[in-house]
Amino acid sequence: MDAKQLYDKMLDFKQYAIVLLAVGVFFYLGTIIPSETKVMTDIYIATGASVSFLAGSVSFFSISNKLRNQLIETEEGQELLMKK
């Protein structure tokens, strides 16, 4: 795989991770903001969704970091990282 494709994948995974992080934070805020009409089942579902989105975010950030390390190992990859 060439460096340009690795660079594009790295950016894509980082963007996916940021989106999942934002969604996970919104679900978490939904569990901690007090409301009178909340049912415990809704809180458990929101907590589970928050944890799963945050876990997905962490995994996508780690994949992005692995791709970045692969880019650092090549000369062309280092040039791409320095330009942008």
C-alpha atoms as a PDB file:
ATOM      1  CA  MET A   1       0.000   0.000   0.000  1.00  0.00           C
ATOM      2  CA  ASP A   2       1.442   3.364  -0.893  1.00  0.00           C
ATOM      3  CA  ALA A   3       1.925   6.222   1.519  1.00  0.00           C
ATOM      4  CA  LYS A   4      -0.876   8.382   0.106  1.00  0.00           C
ATOM      5  CA  GLN A   5      -3.459   5.630   0.738  1.00  0.00           C
ATOM      6  CA  LEU A   6      -2.141   5.072   4.267  1.00  0.00           C
ATOM      7  CA  TYR A   7      -2.313   8.802   4.913  1.00  0.00           C
ATOM      8  CA  ASP A   8      -5.895   9.002   3.653  1.00  0.00           C
ATOM      9  CA  LYS A   9      -6.917   6.007   5.779  1.00  0.00           C
ATOM     10  CA  MET A  10      -5.244   7.546   8.827  1.00  0.00           C
ATOM     11  CA  LEU A  11      -7.237  10.754   8.372  1.00  0.00           C
ATOM     12  CA  ASP A  12     -10.479   8.834   7.792  1.00  0.00           C
ATOM     13  CA  PHE A  13     -10.061   6.757  10.946  1.00  0.00           C
ATOM     14  CA  LYS A  14      -9.245   9.863  12.952  1.00  0.00           C
ATOM     15  CA  GLN A  15     -12.398  11.585  11.671  1.00  0.00           C
ATOM     16  CA  TYR A  16     -14.511   8.496  12.456  1.00  0.00           C
ATOM     17  CA  ALA A  17     -13.063   8.463  15.961  1.00  0.00           C
ATOM     18  CA  ILE A  18     -13.879  12.136  16.521  1.00  0.00           C
ATOM     19  CA  VAL A  19     -17.480  11.624  15.373  1.00  0.00           C
ATOM     20  CA  LEU A  20     -17.909   8.576  17.623  1.00  0.00           C
ATOM     21  CA  LEU A  21     -16.408  10.515  20.525  1.00  0.00           C
ATOM     22  CA  ALA A  22     -18.898  13.349  20.032  1.00  0.00           C
ATOM     23  CA  VAL A  23     -21.872  10.965  19.841  1.00  0.00           C
ATOM     24  CA  GLY A  24     -20.658   9.080  22.916  1.00  0.00           C
ATOM     25  CA  VAL A  25     -20.363  12.330  24.867  1.00  0.00           C
ATOM     26  CA  PHE A  26     -23.924  13.307  23.917  1.00  0.00           C
ATOM     27  CA  PHE A  27     -25.230   9.949  25.144  1.00  0.00           C
ATOM     28  CA  TYR A  28     -23.240  10.385  28.362  1.00  0.00           C
ATOM     29  CA  LEU A  29     -24.672  13.865  28.880  1.00  0.00           C
ATOM     30  CA  GLY A  30     -28.120  12.369  28.404  1.00  0.00           C
ATOM     31  CA  THR A  31     -27.511  10.060  31.340  1.00  0.00           C
ATOM     32  CA  ILE A  32     -26.214  12.688  33.763  1.00  0.00           C
ATOM     33  CA  ILE A  33     -28.626  15.542  33.035  1.00  0.00           C
ATOM     34  CA  PRO A  34     -31.504  15.210  35.498  1.00  0.00           C
ATOM     35  CA  SER A  35     -34.998  14.635  34.157  1.00  0.00           C
ATOM     36  CA  GLU A  36     -38.250  13.674  35.835  1.00  0.00           C
ATOM     37  CA  THR A  37     -39.488  11.356  33.096  1.00  0.00           C
ATOM     38  CA  LYS A  38     -36.463   9.064  32.948  1.00  0.00           C
ATOM     39  CA  VAL A  39     -36.945   5.345  33.359  1.00  0.00           C
ATOM     40  CA  MET A  40     -34.016   3.242  34.578  1.00  0.00           C
ATOM     41  CA  THR A  41     -34.098   1.193  31.392  1.00  0.00           C
ATOM     42  CA  ASP A  42     -33.550   4.351  29.324  1.00  0.00           C
ATOM     43  CA  ILE A  43     -30.581   5.287  31.499  1.00  0.00           C
ATOM     44  CA  TYR A  44     -29.053   1.816  31.068  1.00  0.00           C
ATOM     45  CA  ILE A  45     -29.531   1.953  27.294  1.00  0.00           C
ATOM     46  CA  ALA A  46     -27.965   5.425  27.080  1.00  0.00           C
ATOM     47  CA  THR A  47     -25.062   4.334  29.282  1.00  0.00           C
ATOM     48  CA  GLY A  48     -24.469   1.243  27.150  1.00  0.00           C
ATOM     49  CA  ALA A  49     -24.607   3.307  23.973  1.00  0.00           C
ATOM     50  CA  SER A  50     -22.202   5.833  25.451  1.00  0.00           C
ATOM     51  CA  VAL A  51     -19.720   3.141  26.458  1.00  0.00           C
ATOM     52  CA  SER A  52     -19.912   1.416  23.071  1.00  0.00           C
ATOM     53  CA  PHE A  53     -19.441   4.648  21.106  1.00  0.00           C
ATOM     54  CA  LEU A  54     -16.514   5.664  23.313  1.00  0.00           C
ATOM     55  CA  ALA A  55     -14.928   2.204  22.947  1.00  0.00           C
ATOM     56  CA  GLY A  56     -15.309   2.472  19.172  1.00  0.00           C
ATOM     57  CA  SER A  57     -13.710   5.889  19.295  1.00  0.00           C
ATOM     58  CA  VAL A  58     -10.723   4.565  21.231  1.00  0.00           C
ATOM     59  CA  SER A  59     -10.287   1.688  18.784  1.00  0.00           C
ATOM     60  CA  PHE A  60     -10.421   4.020  15.759  1.00  0.00           C
ATOM     61  CA  PHE A  61      -7.895   6.370  17.387  1.00  0.00           C
ATOM     62  CA  SER A  62      -5.551   3.413  17.966  1.00  0.00           C
ATOM     63  CA  ILE A  63      -5.927   2.253  14.340  1.00  0.00           C
ATOM     64  CA  SER A  64      -5.171   5.798  13.177  1.00  0.00           C
ATOM     65  CA  ASN A  65      -2.095   5.860  15.405  1.00  0.00           C
ATOM     66  CA  LYS A  66      -0.857   2.522  13.992  1.00  0.00           C
ATOM     67  CA  LEU A  67      -1.252   3.850  10.457  1.00  0.00           C
ATOM     68  CA  ARG A  68       0.635   7.005  11.449  1.00  0.00           C
ATOM     69  CA  ASN A  69       3.477   4.883  12.822  1.00  0.00           C
ATOM     70  CA  GLN A  70       3.601   2.969   9.533  1.00  0.00           C
ATOM     71  CA  LEU A  71       3.842   6.282   7.696  1.00  0.00           C
ATOM     72  CA  ILE A  72       6.675   7.447   9.933  1.00  0.00           C
ATOM     73  CA  GLU A  73       8.685   4.359   8.934  1.00  0.00           C
ATOM     74  CA  THR A  74       8.724   5.377   5.250  1.00  0.00           C
ATOM     75  CA  GLU A  75      10.353   8.411   3.674  1.00  0.00           C
ATOM     76  CA  GLU A  76       7.345   9.247   1.530  1.00  0.00           C
ATOM     77  CA  GLY A  77       5.091   8.959   4.577  1.00  0.00           C
ATOM     78  CA  GLN A  78       7.263  11.331   6.562  1.00  0.00           C
ATOM     79  CA  GLU A  79       7.032  13.856   3.742  1.00  0.00           C
ATOM     80  CA  LEU A  80       3.231  13.595   3.701  1.00  0.00           C
ATOM     81  CA  LEU A  81       3.046  14.089   7.459  1.00  0.00           C
ATOM     82  CA  MET A  82       5.330  17.118   7.313  1.00  0.00           C
ATOM     83  CA  LYS A  83       3.398  18.812   4.484  1.00  0.00           C
ATOM     84  CA  LYS A  84      -0.053  18.643   5.984  1.00  0.00           C
END
